[in-house]
Amino acid sequence: MSRFAFWILMVCAVGLAGCADGSSSGAGTSGNPCVGGGNSPFCHAAIEVVNGMTGEHLVSQASIEIDAGNIPMGLAADITLTVGNPAAQAYAAELVIDSIGLDYEIASPKETAVQAFECYDDYGHKCDDPAVAWHKVVPPGLEDMAKHRVAQEVLHVRYTRFDTMDRVARLHIHVRNDPDIADFQVVFQTKQGKPKLVLSPATVIFGYTGPPTISTRPFKVSNVGDALLIIKCLEFNADSGFSLTGPDGQSHLPGSPLVFDPPLELENGKSIQFEVTFAPKDNAKKQGTILVMSNDPAAPYGAPVTLIAGP
């Protein structure tokens, strides 16, 4: 055998040995311990993040829109995410979560003890708390609490509404043993939406009536928009004989606004009812207007309810 052929054989032998002990490059993450035991260049994890509210399987850099307009001021809404590992059992490695955190810049002086965006584990601890110990995630059926292995981890991104400003936050899930991704990211964006006020009916008619007849007619204020409707007051201007009853059950006479402190809040699809009473002193025609003042951008000067009574 020539010296050249000998060296060719030696190089091939070294290459094959490298493949045998997992030191060469190839599919998966080389040398990761399989959950079932042993090492293999093919053992790997695969991160899977699911929106627990919708069931949607997310890809990294996915965006989740939060309908902030329907969250009352000062209250919060949680978006639950689950982290799984759907790798094939025969070649599964542990999905190790090194850290989970949010990139978010405070936008209001009200965000002191609580920020508009925060992340919590399933026990109520903040995700970036050094004391939080994330479990190792393995495919279903391979769970082992003694080895700190679970089929999924659960986290919650909480949005607290302080104002009508839109905000953006970016969630980072830093993992090991997935050969394709080490930093899974999800973007959260708020959408304020717009309220839409609808009156039913918009004209309250009493028809012909005279003393001593007293009649009462209801009207409803509804929110058919996609944001919280805030009713600040009702401006009540009408001839004598009309009175207005609000949610407090008290009767109010024309000439002064019915102010709500705190303002009334209607979520989308909700309604509130008022009543108008007409107690005539004579047989003359009477009329009036109730202006519903709210945050509906289509009715900046109020939405009118017309009152008509008499011949």
Protein backbone atom coordinates (compact mmCIF):
# COMPACT_ATOMS: atom_id res chain seq x y z
CA MET A 1 0.00 0.00 0.00
CA SER A 2 1.35 3.42 -0.89
CA ARG A 3 1.95 6.09 1.77
CA PHE A 4 -0.73 8.28 0.12
CA ALA A 5 -3.36 5.55 0.32
CA PHE A 6 -2.45 4.95 3.99
CA TRP A 7 -3.09 8.58 4.92
CA ILE A 8 -6.41 8.54 3.06
CA LEU A 9 -7.51 5.56 5.14
CA MET A 10 -6.42 7.25 8.36
CA VAL A 11 -8.39 10.43 7.58
CA CYS A 12 -11.54 8.42 6.85
CA ALA A 13 -11.11 6.41 10.05
CA VAL A 14 -10.83 9.59 12.14
CA GLY A 15 -13.89 11.03 10.40
CA LEU A 16 -15.94 7.91 11.11
CA ALA A 17 -14.84 7.90 14.74
CA GLY A 18 -15.94 11.50 15.04
CA CYS A 19 -19.37 10.59 13.72
CA ALA A 20 -19.60 7.70 16.13
CA ASP A 21 -18.96 9.77 19.26
CA GLY A 22 -21.28 12.65 18.22
CA SER A 23 -18.56 15.25 17.69
CA SER A 24 -19.38 15.98 14.05
CA SER A 25 -22.03 18.40 12.87
CA GLY A 26 -25.41 17.09 11.77
CA ALA A 27 -29.15 17.29 12.38
CA GLY A 28 -30.18 18.27 15.88
CA THR A 29 -28.02 19.53 18.71
CA SER A 30 -24.95 17.31 18.99
CA GLY A 31 -24.38 15.45 22.23
CA ASN A 32 -27.61 16.39 24.02
CA PRO A 33 -28.74 13.70 26.45
CA CYS A 34 -31.93 11.98 25.32
CA VAL A 35 -34.74 12.04 27.84
CA GLY A 36 -34.77 8.24 27.67
CA GLY A 37 -31.05 8.12 28.51
CA GLY A 38 -27.81 8.13 26.55
CA ASN A 39 -26.34 10.65 24.13
CA SER A 40 -27.06 11.05 20.45
CA PRO A 41 -26.34 13.71 17.82
CA PHE A 42 -30.02 13.49 16.94
CA CYS A 43 -31.46 14.17 20.41
CA HIS A 44 -33.02 17.62 20.49
CA ALA A 45 -35.90 19.67 21.89
CA ALA A 46 -38.45 21.70 19.95
CA ILE A 47 -40.10 24.73 21.52
CA GLU A 48 -43.84 25.12 20.97
CA VAL A 49 -45.67 28.18 22.29
CA VAL A 50 -49.48 28.23 22.32
CA ASN A 51 -51.81 31.13 23.05
CA GLY A 52 -53.94 29.59 25.79
CA MET A 53 -56.78 32.02 25.11
CA THR A 54 -57.21 31.14 21.42
CA GLY A 55 -55.40 27.82 21.01
CA GLU A 56 -53.19 29.36 18.31
CA HIS A 57 -49.72 27.86 17.85
CA LEU A 58 -47.34 30.79 17.65
CA VAL A 59 -44.18 31.26 15.66
CA SER A 60 -41.33 33.34 16.97
CA GLN A 61 -41.91 37.06 16.40
CA ALA A 62 -45.68 36.48 16.37
CA SER A 63 -47.85 39.41 17.41
CA ILE A 64 -50.76 39.27 19.87
CA GLU A 65 -53.22 42.17 19.83
CA ILE A 66 -54.88 43.14 23.10
CA ASP A 67 -58.31 44.73 22.88
CA ALA A 68 -57.50 47.39 25.47
CA GLY A 69 -60.58 49.46 24.71
CA ASN A 70 -62.82 46.97 26.52
CA ILE A 71 -60.72 46.91 29.70
CA PRO A 72 -61.90 49.42 32.34
CA MET A 73 -59.30 51.92 33.55
CA GLY A 74 -57.18 50.50 36.35
CA LEU A 75 -58.14 46.90 35.64
CA ALA A 76 -56.08 44.17 33.97
CA ALA A 77 -56.36 41.28 31.53
CA ASP A 78 -54.10 38.21 31.34
CA ILE A 79 -52.90 36.44 28.21
CA THR A 80 -51.87 32.88 29.06
CA LEU A 81 -49.12 31.13 27.09
CA THR A 82 -48.05 27.51 27.34
CA VAL A 83 -44.57 26.29 26.42
CA GLY A 84 -44.36 22.71 25.16
CA ASN A 85 -41.83 20.36 23.59
CA PRO A 86 -43.31 18.28 20.73
CA ALA A 87 -40.06 16.53 19.78
CA ALA A 88 -40.37 12.84 18.92
CA GLN A 89 -39.99 10.77 22.10
CA ALA A 90 -37.25 8.56 20.66
CA TYR A 91 -35.01 11.58 20.03
CA ALA A 92 -36.29 14.02 22.66
CA ALA A 93 -34.02 16.19 24.76
CA GLU A 94 -35.13 18.43 27.60
CA LEU A 95 -36.22 21.92 26.58
CA VAL A 96 -34.35 23.98 29.15
CA ILE A 97 -35.82 27.43 29.85
CA ASP A 98 -32.97 29.69 30.92
CA SER A 99 -35.07 32.83 31.38
CA ILE A 100 -38.30 34.56 30.45
CA GLY A 101 -38.65 38.33 30.44
CA LEU A 102 -40.32 41.36 28.89
CA ASP A 103 -38.85 44.29 27.02
CA TYR A 104 -41.14 47.21 27.86
CA GLU A 105 -40.64 50.94 28.40
CA ILE A 106 -42.80 52.65 31.01
CA ALA A 107 -45.09 55.24 29.38
CA SER A 108 -46.97 56.74 32.34
CA PRO A 109 -46.06 58.16 35.78
CA LYS A 110 -48.83 55.93 37.14
CA GLU A 111 -46.70 52.87 36.38
CA THR A 112 -44.89 52.63 39.69
CA ALA A 113 -45.60 49.49 41.72
CA VAL A 114 -47.36 48.00 38.70
CA GLN A 115 -46.37 48.43 35.06
CA ALA A 116 -48.73 48.28 32.10
CA PHE A 117 -47.08 45.03 30.94
CA GLU A 118 -45.83 42.38 33.37
CA CYS A 119 -45.03 38.67 33.14
CA TYR A 120 -45.85 36.04 35.79
CA ASP A 121 -45.34 32.32 36.18
CA ASP A 122 -48.26 30.05 37.00
CA TYR A 123 -47.72 30.64 40.73
CA GLY A 124 -47.94 34.42 40.57
CA HIS A 125 -44.21 35.15 40.69
CA LYS A 126 -42.75 37.66 38.24
CA CYS A 127 -41.00 35.91 35.37
CA ASP A 128 -37.74 37.79 35.88
CA ASP A 129 -37.61 37.02 39.62
CA PRO A 130 -34.25 35.24 40.22
CA ALA A 131 -36.08 32.82 42.52
CA VAL A 132 -38.25 31.50 39.69
CA ALA A 133 -37.14 28.02 38.62
CA TRP A 134 -38.63 26.98 35.30
CA HIS A 135 -39.22 23.27 34.78
CA LYS A 136 -37.55 21.31 32.00
CA VAL A 137 -40.14 20.69 29.32
CA VAL A 138 -40.40 17.24 27.72
CA PRO A 139 -42.88 15.60 25.32
CA PRO A 140 -46.12 14.37 26.92
CA GLY A 141 -45.68 10.95 28.52
CA LEU A 142 -42.10 11.62 29.62
CA GLU A 143 -42.92 13.80 32.62
CA ASP A 144 -40.90 13.15 35.78
CA MET A 145 -41.30 15.59 38.68
CA ALA A 146 -38.37 13.99 40.49
CA LYS A 147 -36.20 15.19 37.60
CA HIS A 148 -38.03 18.52 37.35
CA ARG A 149 -39.59 17.52 34.01
CA VAL A 150 -43.09 18.60 32.93
CA ALA A 151 -45.09 18.38 29.71
CA GLN A 152 -45.61 22.15 29.62
CA GLU A 153 -44.77 25.37 31.39
CA VAL A 154 -47.38 28.10 31.83
CA LEU A 155 -46.82 31.84 31.96
CA HIS A 156 -49.09 34.87 31.96
CA VAL A 157 -48.54 38.27 30.36
CA ARG A 158 -50.70 40.82 32.15
CA TYR A 159 -51.80 44.14 30.67
CA THR A 160 -53.10 46.81 33.06
CA ARG A 161 -54.90 49.75 31.49
CA PHE A 162 -53.77 53.10 32.90
CA ASP A 163 -54.87 55.40 30.05
CA THR A 164 -55.77 55.44 26.36
CA MET A 165 -52.18 55.31 25.09
CA ASP A 166 -51.24 52.31 22.98
CA ARG A 167 -48.28 50.25 24.15
CA VAL A 168 -45.96 47.53 22.85
CA ALA A 169 -44.05 44.87 24.81
CA ARG A 170 -41.78 42.06 23.60
CA LEU A 171 -41.58 38.73 25.43
CA HIS A 172 -38.33 36.74 25.30
CA ILE A 173 -38.25 33.02 26.11
CA HIS A 174 -34.58 31.96 26.20
CA VAL A 175 -34.19 28.19 25.79
CA ARG A 176 -31.56 25.52 25.20
CA ASN A 177 -31.49 22.27 23.19
CA ASP A 178 -33.71 23.46 20.34
CA PRO A 179 -31.31 23.55 17.39
CA ASP A 180 -33.41 26.09 15.51
CA ILE A 181 -34.10 28.77 18.10
CA ALA A 182 -32.65 30.04 21.34
CA ASP A 183 -34.73 33.19 21.83
CA PHE A 184 -38.45 32.75 21.13
CA GLN A 185 -40.13 36.16 20.95
CA VAL A 186 -43.76 37.26 21.11
CA VAL A 187 -44.85 40.88 20.55
CA PHE A 188 -47.84 42.26 22.46
CA GLN A 189 -49.64 45.33 21.10
CA THR A 190 -52.65 47.14 22.52
CA LYS A 191 -55.56 48.34 20.44
CA GLN A 192 -57.78 50.96 22.02
CA GLY A 193 -60.69 50.56 19.61
CA LYS A 194 -63.65 52.96 19.49
CA PRO A 195 -66.92 52.99 21.41
CA LYS A 196 -70.16 53.49 19.49
CA LEU A 197 -73.26 54.80 21.23
CA VAL A 198 -76.72 53.79 20.04
CA LEU A 199 -80.00 55.17 21.43
CA SER A 200 -83.15 53.10 21.41
CA PRO A 201 -85.44 54.85 20.74
CA ALA A 202 -83.83 58.14 19.72
CA THR A 203 -87.24 59.84 19.89
CA VAL A 204 -89.55 59.31 22.86
CA ILE A 205 -93.16 60.08 21.95
CA PHE A 206 -95.93 60.36 24.54
CA GLY A 207 -98.72 61.22 22.10
CA TYR A 208 -101.72 63.22 23.19
CA THR A 209 -102.00 63.38 26.94
CA GLY A 210 -103.39 65.86 29.39
CA PRO A 211 -103.80 66.18 33.14
CA PRO A 212 -104.08 64.24 35.33
CA THR A 213 -102.53 61.49 33.17
CA ILE A 214 -98.91 60.59 33.96
CA SER A 215 -96.94 58.49 31.46
CA THR A 216 -93.46 56.94 31.59
CA ARG A 217 -91.37 55.82 28.62
CA PRO A 218 -87.95 54.08 28.70
CA PHE A 219 -84.96 54.56 26.42
CA LYS A 220 -81.71 52.62 26.31
CA VAL A 221 -78.12 53.64 25.74
CA SER A 222 -76.11 50.80 24.17
CA ASN A 223 -72.49 50.32 23.20
CA VAL A 224 -72.08 48.51 19.87
CA GLY A 225 -68.43 49.52 19.41
CA ASP A 226 -65.21 47.69 20.25
CA ALA A 227 -64.09 49.86 23.15
CA LEU A 228 -65.43 50.88 26.53
CA LEU A 229 -68.21 53.50 26.33
CA ILE A 230 -67.92 56.08 29.11
CA ILE A 231 -71.06 58.14 29.85
CA LYS A 232 -70.15 61.33 31.64
CA CYS A 233 -73.51 63.05 32.02
CA LEU A 234 -76.94 63.67 30.54
CA GLU A 235 -77.83 67.26 29.69
CA PHE A 236 -81.57 67.61 30.21
CA ASN A 237 -83.42 70.53 28.63
CA ALA A 238 -87.20 70.27 28.28
CA ASP A 239 -90.51 72.00 28.90
CA SER A 240 -92.17 71.67 32.30
CA GLY A 241 -93.85 68.35 32.96
CA PHE A 242 -90.90 66.16 31.95
CA SER A 243 -88.65 64.37 34.43
CA LEU A 244 -85.77 61.96 33.98
CA THR A 245 -84.94 58.93 36.10
CA GLY A 246 -81.42 57.56 36.03
CA PRO A 247 -79.77 54.39 37.37
CA ASP A 248 -79.89 55.84 40.89
CA GLY A 249 -83.70 55.66 40.78
CA GLN A 250 -84.07 59.36 41.56
CA SER A 251 -86.17 61.73 39.49
CA HIS A 252 -84.40 64.73 37.91
CA LEU A 253 -86.06 67.86 36.56
CA PRO A 254 -85.02 69.77 33.40
CA GLY A 255 -82.48 72.57 33.60
CA SER A 256 -79.51 70.88 35.23
CA PRO A 257 -77.30 68.05 33.93
CA LEU A 258 -77.41 64.58 35.41
CA VAL A 259 -73.71 64.08 36.20
CA PHE A 260 -72.26 60.63 36.91
CA ASP A 261 -69.39 60.47 39.38
CA PRO A 262 -67.72 58.13 38.66
CA PRO A 263 -68.80 58.00 35.01
CA LEU A 264 -70.93 55.11 33.82
CA GLU A 265 -68.96 52.47 31.88
CA LEU A 266 -70.50 50.19 29.26
CA GLU A 267 -68.53 47.33 27.71
CA ASN A 268 -69.29 46.42 24.11
CA GLY A 269 -72.68 44.74 23.80
CA LYS A 270 -73.95 46.22 27.08
CA SER A 271 -76.84 48.64 27.63
CA ILE A 272 -78.26 50.82 30.35
CA GLN A 273 -81.85 52.03 30.65
CA PHE A 274 -83.27 55.43 31.60
CA GLU A 275 -86.88 56.53 31.99
CA VAL A 276 -88.65 59.74 31.05
CA THR A 277 -91.89 60.66 32.79
CA PHE A 278 -94.38 63.23 31.50
CA ALA A 279 -96.89 64.74 33.94
CA PRO A 280 -98.69 67.54 32.01
CA LYS A 281 -100.14 70.67 33.64
CA ASP A 282 -102.23 71.51 30.57
CA ASN A 283 -103.09 70.20 27.10
CA ALA A 284 -100.36 72.15 25.23
CA LYS A 285 -97.70 70.43 23.17
CA LYS A 286 -94.41 69.95 25.03
CA GLN A 287 -90.96 68.90 23.90
CA GLY A 288 -87.40 68.57 25.07
CA THR A 289 -83.97 67.06 24.45
CA ILE A 290 -81.65 64.82 26.44
CA LEU A 291 -78.02 64.94 25.31
CA VAL A 292 -76.02 61.84 26.24
CA MET A 293 -72.42 63.00 26.69
CA SER A 294 -69.88 60.22 26.22
CA ASN A 295 -66.49 59.34 24.76
CA ASP A 296 -68.01 58.21 21.43
CA PRO A 297 -65.79 60.03 18.88
CA ALA A 298 -68.72 60.17 16.44
CA ALA A 299 -70.79 62.22 18.92
CA PRO A 300 -68.40 64.79 20.44
CA TYR A 301 -71.28 67.16 21.30
CA GLY A 302 -73.59 64.48 22.63
CA ALA A 303 -76.15 62.07 21.21
CA PRO A 304 -79.68 63.54 21.39
CA VAL A 305 -82.86 61.90 22.63
CA THR A 306 -85.84 63.93 21.42
CA LEU A 307 -88.91 64.19 23.68
CA ILE A 308 -92.36 64.94 22.22
CA ALA A 309 -95.68 65.10 24.06
CA GLY A 310 -99.06 66.63 23.39
CA PRO A 311 -101.37 67.04 20.37
